[in-house]
Amino acid sequence: FNVHPSLLPKYRGANPYFWALYNGEKETGVTVHRMTQTFDAGEIVLSRATPLSQEDCLGTVVLRLNHLAQQLAVELLEQLASGMPLVTRTQAAGDYPRAPLLKPAHLQINVQWPLERVLRLARACYPHFSVFMPFLGQTLRISEMTAAAGVETPAGMMVHDGTRLWVGFADGTAELKQVAVDPAPLLDAKTFIQQHALPRAIPLISAAP
């Protein structure tokens, strides 16, 4: 048996936590299934769902699904110990979203994207991974960002007020909370601004297609 952190047959693969968040799913969950020669494709024994909200990030989802996985593992052991036959169901056929290994290109932000997509990517990474974007011929690494209410920044521009740092995207502005020029250690926005003596407005060029 295998305990898989998604609602199979959705998100077969290595990183279902990330992909469920990045794709904007309304729920995810855990599935116990029989193991076969095909990856994550065996008969489903148990499953349990949990809702996803815009407050969730990779860290909260991993913790919640780990807890569900422990519950289902205990239930499976109890069923096996009872001697009763397991009730299983075949995974439905169809073109379901998959969960491939993450590659560097998956973590690249494009300033022409809608803000909601940018924030989904950031939440799908936080706090275990960072997202990246071009910055003055180098690469900016961002660990935490939020929507910036009441701040209007043109798409492709970075601006700051000496303590806070914002980037404009296609239809909104994000505030950057933890940043660094890769591979330097992450800094809070105020420290980053001061260490790099940033001008008040900086044009950014996206390397993403």
Protein backbone atom coordinates (compact mmCIF):
# COMPACT_ATOMS: atom_id res chain seq x y z
CA PHE A 1 0.00 0.00 0.00
CA ASN A 2 0.99 3.63 -0.50
CA VAL A 3 -0.28 6.81 1.16
CA HIS A 4 -0.34 9.57 -1.44
CA PRO A 5 -0.95 13.29 -0.65
CA SER A 6 -3.62 14.01 -3.24
CA LEU A 7 -7.11 12.93 -4.18
CA LEU A 8 -6.19 10.32 -6.78
CA PRO A 9 -6.45 10.11 -9.71
CA LYS A 10 -5.62 13.83 -9.56
CA TYR A 11 -1.96 14.75 -9.08
CA ARG A 12 -0.15 11.49 -9.55
CA GLY A 13 3.53 12.26 -9.16
CA ALA A 14 6.23 13.62 -6.92
CA ASN A 15 4.93 16.99 -5.66
CA PRO A 16 1.13 17.09 -5.42
CA TYR A 17 1.21 19.67 -2.60
CA PHE A 18 2.75 22.32 -4.87
CA TRP A 19 0.64 21.62 -7.93
CA ALA A 20 -2.71 21.61 -6.12
CA LEU A 21 -1.94 25.06 -4.72
CA TYR A 22 -0.45 26.48 -7.91
CA ASN A 23 -3.39 25.28 -9.99
CA GLY A 24 -5.86 26.93 -7.62
CA GLU A 25 -7.66 23.75 -6.50
CA LYS A 26 -10.48 24.23 -4.00
CA GLU A 27 -9.62 21.03 -2.16
CA THR A 28 -6.94 18.39 -1.87
CA GLY A 29 -6.51 15.35 0.31
CA VAL A 30 -4.87 12.00 0.95
CA THR A 31 -5.40 8.64 -0.74
CA VAL A 32 -4.41 5.16 0.39
CA HIS A 33 -4.05 2.89 -2.63
CA ARG A 34 -2.68 -0.46 -3.63
CA MET A 35 0.73 -0.29 -5.29
CA THR A 36 1.06 -1.42 -8.90
CA GLN A 37 3.71 -1.18 -11.60
CA THR A 38 2.11 2.09 -12.74
CA PHE A 39 2.96 5.06 -10.52
CA ASP A 40 0.09 6.05 -8.15
CA ALA A 41 -2.46 4.14 -10.24
CA GLY A 42 -3.56 1.27 -7.96
CA GLU A 43 -7.01 0.66 -6.55
CA ILE A 44 -8.13 3.21 -3.95
CA VAL A 45 -8.65 1.84 -0.45
CA LEU A 46 -9.28 5.03 1.56
CA SER A 47 -9.33 8.74 0.85
CA ARG A 48 -10.10 11.93 2.73
CA ALA A 49 -10.45 15.50 1.45
CA THR A 50 -9.62 18.85 3.00
CA PRO A 51 -10.52 22.32 1.64
CA LEU A 52 -7.92 24.77 0.38
CA SER A 53 -8.18 28.51 0.91
CA GLN A 54 -6.19 31.57 -0.13
CA GLU A 55 -4.65 31.52 3.34
CA ASP A 56 -3.02 28.15 2.66
CA CYS A 57 0.59 27.76 1.60
CA LEU A 58 2.89 24.79 1.04
CA GLY A 59 3.77 24.67 4.73
CA THR A 60 0.18 24.55 6.01
CA VAL A 61 -0.90 21.99 3.41
CA VAL A 62 2.03 19.65 4.11
CA LEU A 63 1.23 19.70 7.83
CA ARG A 64 -2.49 19.13 7.30
CA LEU A 65 -2.03 16.31 4.80
CA ASN A 66 0.58 14.65 6.99
CA HIS A 67 -2.00 14.59 9.78
CA LEU A 68 -4.63 13.10 7.46
CA ALA A 69 -2.11 10.53 6.22
CA GLN A 70 -1.47 9.38 9.79
CA GLN A 71 -5.22 8.99 10.39
CA LEU A 72 -5.71 6.96 7.22
CA ALA A 73 -2.68 4.76 7.94
CA VAL A 74 -4.19 3.86 11.32
CA GLU A 75 -7.56 3.14 9.70
CA LEU A 76 -5.90 0.88 7.13
CA LEU A 77 -4.05 -1.07 9.82
CA GLU A 78 -7.27 -1.47 11.81
CA GLN A 79 -9.11 -2.78 8.75
CA LEU A 80 -6.31 -5.23 7.97
CA ALA A 81 -6.20 -6.42 11.57
CA SER A 82 -9.96 -7.03 11.55
CA GLY A 83 -9.60 -9.67 8.86
CA MET A 84 -12.45 -8.18 6.86
CA PRO A 85 -11.86 -7.80 3.10
CA LEU A 86 -10.94 -4.30 1.99
CA VAL A 87 -13.46 -2.38 -0.08
CA THR A 88 -11.58 -0.81 -2.97
CA ARG A 89 -12.44 1.12 -6.10
CA THR A 90 -10.63 1.49 -9.40
CA GLN A 91 -9.27 4.92 -10.19
CA ALA A 92 -11.39 6.69 -12.79
CA ALA A 93 -9.91 7.00 -16.25
CA GLY A 94 -9.38 10.48 -17.64
CA ASP A 95 -6.99 13.32 -18.32
CA TYR A 96 -6.29 14.42 -14.76
CA PRO A 97 -3.68 17.01 -13.69
CA ARG A 98 -0.34 15.51 -12.76
CA ALA A 99 2.34 16.47 -10.22
CA PRO A 100 5.77 16.29 -11.88
CA LEU A 101 9.06 17.05 -10.17
CA LEU A 102 9.71 20.77 -9.85
CA LYS A 103 12.21 22.33 -12.24
CA PRO A 104 13.77 25.81 -11.99
CA ALA A 105 11.48 27.06 -14.76
CA HIS A 106 8.43 26.24 -12.61
CA LEU A 107 9.59 28.75 -9.98
CA GLN A 108 10.14 31.71 -12.32
CA ILE A 109 7.80 34.70 -12.04
CA ASN A 110 6.80 36.76 -15.07
CA VAL A 111 5.88 40.40 -14.39
CA GLN A 112 3.30 40.17 -17.18
CA TRP A 113 1.31 37.54 -15.27
CA PRO A 114 -1.90 38.39 -13.40
CA LEU A 115 -1.24 39.03 -9.72
CA GLU A 116 -3.42 36.12 -8.65
CA ARG A 117 -1.21 33.66 -10.55
CA VAL A 118 1.93 35.16 -9.02
CA LEU A 119 0.53 34.83 -5.51
CA ARG A 120 -0.58 31.25 -6.16
CA LEU A 121 2.98 30.37 -7.14
CA ALA A 122 4.40 32.12 -4.08
CA ARG A 123 1.98 30.31 -1.75
CA ALA A 124 2.70 26.98 -3.46
CA CYS A 125 6.37 27.44 -2.50
CA TYR A 126 6.30 29.14 0.91
CA PRO A 127 8.14 28.50 3.20
CA HIS A 128 10.07 25.56 1.72
CA PHE A 129 11.03 27.02 -1.67
CA SER A 130 11.58 30.46 -3.14
CA VAL A 131 10.37 32.02 -6.38
CA PHE A 132 12.66 33.91 -8.75
CA MET A 133 12.64 36.83 -11.15
CA PRO A 134 15.23 38.85 -13.12
CA PHE A 135 16.72 41.81 -11.26
CA LEU A 136 19.35 44.20 -12.65
CA GLY A 137 21.15 41.47 -14.57
CA GLN A 138 20.96 39.07 -11.62
CA THR A 139 18.28 36.87 -10.09
CA LEU A 140 16.01 38.01 -7.29
CA ARG A 141 14.94 35.29 -4.86
CA ILE A 142 11.63 35.89 -3.06
CA SER A 143 10.42 33.85 -0.11
CA GLU A 144 7.29 35.74 0.91
CA MET A 145 4.95 38.14 -0.89
CA THR A 146 1.41 39.38 -0.43
CA ALA A 147 -1.13 41.43 -2.37
CA ALA A 148 -0.59 45.14 -1.77
CA ALA A 149 -3.95 46.79 -1.15
CA GLY A 150 -4.08 50.48 -2.05
CA VAL A 151 -0.72 50.49 -3.85
CA GLU A 152 -0.62 50.95 -7.61
CA THR A 153 2.64 50.08 -9.36
CA PRO A 154 3.02 49.81 -13.16
CA ALA A 155 3.59 46.30 -14.44
CA GLY A 156 7.28 45.49 -14.59
CA MET A 157 8.33 48.15 -12.08
CA MET A 158 9.81 47.71 -8.60
CA VAL A 159 9.33 50.61 -6.18
CA HIS A 160 9.99 51.23 -2.50
CA ASP A 161 9.53 53.86 0.21
CA GLY A 162 12.69 53.10 2.16
CA THR A 163 11.15 50.34 4.27
CA ARG A 164 8.69 48.45 2.03
CA LEU A 165 9.18 46.96 -1.43
CA TRP A 166 6.59 46.46 -4.18
CA VAL A 167 6.50 44.99 -7.69
CA GLY A 168 3.79 45.69 -10.26
CA PHE A 169 2.24 42.85 -12.24
CA ALA A 170 -0.34 42.80 -15.06
CA ASP A 171 -3.32 43.72 -12.92
CA GLY A 172 -2.04 44.47 -9.43
CA THR A 173 0.86 44.98 -7.06
CA ALA A 174 2.63 42.58 -4.71
CA GLU A 175 4.59 43.51 -1.61
CA LEU A 176 7.85 41.57 -1.22
CA LYS A 177 8.56 40.63 2.39
CA GLN A 178 11.65 38.36 2.26
CA VAL A 179 14.06 38.81 -0.65
CA ALA A 180 17.68 38.34 -1.71
CA VAL A 181 19.89 38.51 -4.75
CA ASP A 182 20.44 34.80 -5.34
CA PRO A 183 22.32 33.01 -3.78
CA ALA A 184 22.69 35.45 -0.85
CA PRO A 185 20.71 34.87 2.38
CA LEU A 186 17.16 36.21 2.52
CA LEU A 187 16.62 39.66 4.04
CA ASP A 188 13.57 41.60 5.15
CA ALA A 189 12.59 44.30 2.66
CA LYS A 190 13.99 47.25 4.64
CA THR A 191 17.41 45.62 5.07
CA PHE A 192 17.49 44.61 1.41
CA ILE A 193 16.70 48.17 0.28
CA GLN A 194 19.39 49.63 2.52
CA GLN A 195 22.11 47.10 1.67
CA HIS A 196 21.63 47.56 -2.07
CA ALA A 197 21.01 51.34 -1.96
CA LEU A 198 18.11 50.87 -4.34
CA PRO A 199 16.71 53.76 -6.36
CA ARG A 200 13.07 54.47 -5.68
CA ALA A 201 11.89 52.92 -8.97
CA ILE A 202 13.53 50.11 -10.94
CA PRO A 203 12.32 48.66 -14.26
CA LEU A 204 12.29 44.85 -14.36
CA ILE A 205 12.47 42.64 -17.42
CA SER A 206 10.86 39.21 -17.22
CA ALA A 207 12.87 36.24 -18.44
CA ALA A 208 9.81 33.98 -18.46
CA PRO A 209 8.08 33.24 -21.77
